[in-house]
Amino acid sequence: MIAAAEWREIERGLAQRVTALNRFLADVYTGEGAAMADDKAIHPYVTDLIR
């Protein structure tokens, strides 16, 4: 079993990754830059490397 506190941490990480993946796919299809719209989905270090 997974403790509730541990599950909340896992859930937050999964939600972040799903958001990042959705934004990446939107960028692939539209080219609008959604993946880098803020620093919540992708770590600022990564976005700085891309820009």
N, C-alpha and C. Protein backbone atom coordinates (compact mmCIF):
# COMPACT_ATOMS: atom_id res chain seq x y z
N MET A 1 0.83 -1.18 0.00
CA MET A 1 0.00 0.00 0.00
C MET A 1 0.87 1.25 0.00
N ILE A 2 0.31 2.31 -0.51
CA ILE A 2 0.99 3.60 -0.54
C ILE A 2 0.30 4.52 0.45
N ALA A 3 1.08 5.15 1.30
CA ALA A 3 0.54 6.08 2.29
C ALA A 3 -0.09 7.28 1.58
N ALA A 4 -1.07 7.89 2.21
CA ALA A 4 -1.79 9.02 1.61
C ALA A 4 -0.86 10.17 1.26
N ALA A 5 0.06 10.50 2.16
CA ALA A 5 0.99 11.60 1.90
C ALA A 5 1.89 11.29 0.70
N GLU A 6 2.35 10.06 0.62
CA GLU A 6 3.19 9.66 -0.51
C GLU A 6 2.40 9.69 -1.81
N TRP A 7 1.15 9.25 -1.76
CA TRP A 7 0.31 9.26 -2.96
C TRP A 7 0.07 10.68 -3.45
N ARG A 8 -0.14 11.62 -2.53
CA ARG A 8 -0.36 13.02 -2.93
C ARG A 8 0.86 13.55 -3.69
N GLU A 9 2.04 13.19 -3.23
CA GLU A 9 3.26 13.62 -3.91
C GLU A 9 3.37 12.99 -5.30
N ILE A 10 3.06 11.72 -5.38
CA ILE A 10 3.07 11.02 -6.69
C ILE A 10 2.04 11.64 -7.62
N GLU A 11 0.85 11.91 -7.08
CA GLU A 11 -0.23 12.49 -7.88
C GLU A 11 0.17 13.86 -8.44
N ARG A 12 0.80 14.70 -7.62
CA ARG A 12 1.25 16.01 -8.09
C ARG A 12 2.28 15.86 -9.21
N GLY A 13 3.21 14.94 -9.05
CA GLY A 13 4.21 14.71 -10.08
C GLY A 13 3.62 14.21 -11.38
N LEU A 14 2.67 13.30 -11.28
CA LEU A 14 2.01 12.79 -12.48
C LEU A 14 1.21 13.89 -13.18
N ALA A 15 0.51 14.70 -12.42
CA ALA A 15 -0.28 15.79 -13.01
C ALA A 15 0.65 16.78 -13.73
N GLN A 16 1.80 17.07 -13.14
CA GLN A 16 2.76 17.97 -13.77
C GLN A 16 3.25 17.39 -15.09
N ARG A 17 3.55 16.11 -15.10
CA ARG A 17 4.07 15.48 -16.32
C ARG A 17 3.01 15.39 -17.41
N VAL A 18 1.77 15.14 -17.03
CA VAL A 18 0.68 15.10 -18.01
C VAL A 18 0.50 16.48 -18.63
N THR A 19 0.55 17.51 -17.80
CA THR A 19 0.43 18.88 -18.31
C THR A 19 1.57 19.19 -19.28
N ALA A 20 2.77 18.84 -18.91
CA ALA A 20 3.93 19.08 -19.78
C ALA A 20 3.79 18.33 -21.10
N LEU A 21 3.37 17.07 -21.04
CA LEU A 21 3.20 16.29 -22.26
C LEU A 21 2.11 16.88 -23.14
N ASN A 22 0.99 17.28 -22.55
CA ASN A 22 -0.10 17.88 -23.33
C ASN A 22 0.37 19.17 -24.00
N ARG A 23 1.13 19.99 -23.28
CA ARG A 23 1.63 21.23 -23.87
C ARG A 23 2.64 20.95 -24.97
N PHE A 24 3.48 19.97 -24.76
CA PHE A 24 4.45 19.60 -25.80
C PHE A 24 3.73 19.15 -27.07
N LEU A 25 2.73 18.29 -26.91
CA LEU A 25 1.98 17.82 -28.07
C LEU A 25 1.24 18.97 -28.76
N ALA A 26 0.71 19.89 -27.99
CA ALA A 26 0.05 21.06 -28.58
C ALA A 26 1.05 21.86 -29.40
N ASP A 27 2.28 22.01 -28.88
CA ASP A 27 3.31 22.73 -29.62
C ASP A 27 3.67 22.02 -30.92
N VAL A 28 3.74 20.72 -30.87
CA VAL A 28 4.07 19.94 -32.07
C VAL A 28 3.03 20.19 -33.16
N TYR A 29 1.77 20.25 -32.76
CA TYR A 29 0.70 20.39 -33.74
C TYR A 29 0.37 21.84 -34.09
N THR A 30 0.65 22.79 -33.19
CA THR A 30 0.26 24.18 -33.45
C THR A 30 1.44 25.14 -33.51
N GLY A 31 2.54 24.82 -32.84
CA GLY A 31 3.69 25.70 -32.81
C GLY A 31 3.48 26.97 -32.01
N GLU A 32 2.55 26.96 -31.04
CA GLU A 32 2.22 28.16 -30.28
C GLU A 32 3.09 28.40 -29.05
N GLY A 33 3.96 27.50 -28.68
CA GLY A 33 4.82 27.69 -27.52
C GLY A 33 4.14 27.44 -26.19
N ALA A 34 3.10 26.65 -26.17
CA ALA A 34 2.34 26.39 -24.94
C ALA A 34 3.18 25.72 -23.87
N ALA A 35 4.12 24.90 -24.26
CA ALA A 35 4.93 24.16 -23.28
C ALA A 35 5.79 25.08 -22.45
N MET A 36 6.15 26.23 -23.00
CA MET A 36 7.00 27.14 -22.27
C MET A 36 6.26 28.39 -21.81
N ALA A 37 4.92 28.32 -21.76
CA ALA A 37 4.12 29.48 -21.38
C ALA A 37 4.36 29.92 -19.94
N ASP A 38 4.67 28.99 -19.09
CA ASP A 38 5.02 29.32 -17.70
C ASP A 38 6.05 28.31 -17.22
N ASP A 39 6.51 28.49 -16.00
CA ASP A 39 7.55 27.60 -15.48
C ASP A 39 6.97 26.50 -14.62
N LYS A 40 5.67 26.21 -14.74
CA LYS A 40 5.05 25.20 -13.90
C LYS A 40 5.12 23.81 -14.52
N ALA A 41 4.99 23.72 -15.83
CA ALA A 41 4.98 22.41 -16.48
C ALA A 41 6.39 21.90 -16.77
N ILE A 42 7.26 22.83 -17.14
CA ILE A 42 8.62 22.46 -17.47
C ILE A 42 9.55 23.30 -16.61
N HIS A 43 10.53 22.68 -15.99
CA HIS A 43 11.46 23.38 -15.09
C HIS A 43 12.13 24.54 -15.82
N PRO A 44 12.28 25.68 -15.16
CA PRO A 44 12.90 26.85 -15.79
C PRO A 44 14.27 26.57 -16.40
N TYR A 45 15.05 25.70 -15.81
CA TYR A 45 16.36 25.35 -16.36
C TYR A 45 16.22 24.83 -17.79
N VAL A 46 15.22 23.98 -18.00
CA VAL A 46 15.00 23.39 -19.32
C VAL A 46 14.53 24.46 -20.29
N THR A 47 13.58 25.30 -19.89
CA THR A 47 13.08 26.32 -20.80
C THR A 47 14.17 27.32 -21.16
N ASP A 48 15.07 27.61 -20.22
CA ASP A 48 16.19 28.51 -20.52
C ASP A 48 17.12 27.90 -21.58
N LEU A 49 17.30 26.60 -21.54
CA LEU A 49 18.14 25.94 -22.54
C LEU A 49 17.50 25.97 -23.91
N ILE A 50 16.19 25.90 -23.95
CA ILE A 50 15.46 25.84 -25.23
C ILE A 50 15.38 27.22 -25.87
N ARG A 51 15.21 28.25 -25.06
CA ARG A 51 15.00 29.60 -25.60
C ARG A 51 16.24 30.17 -26.17
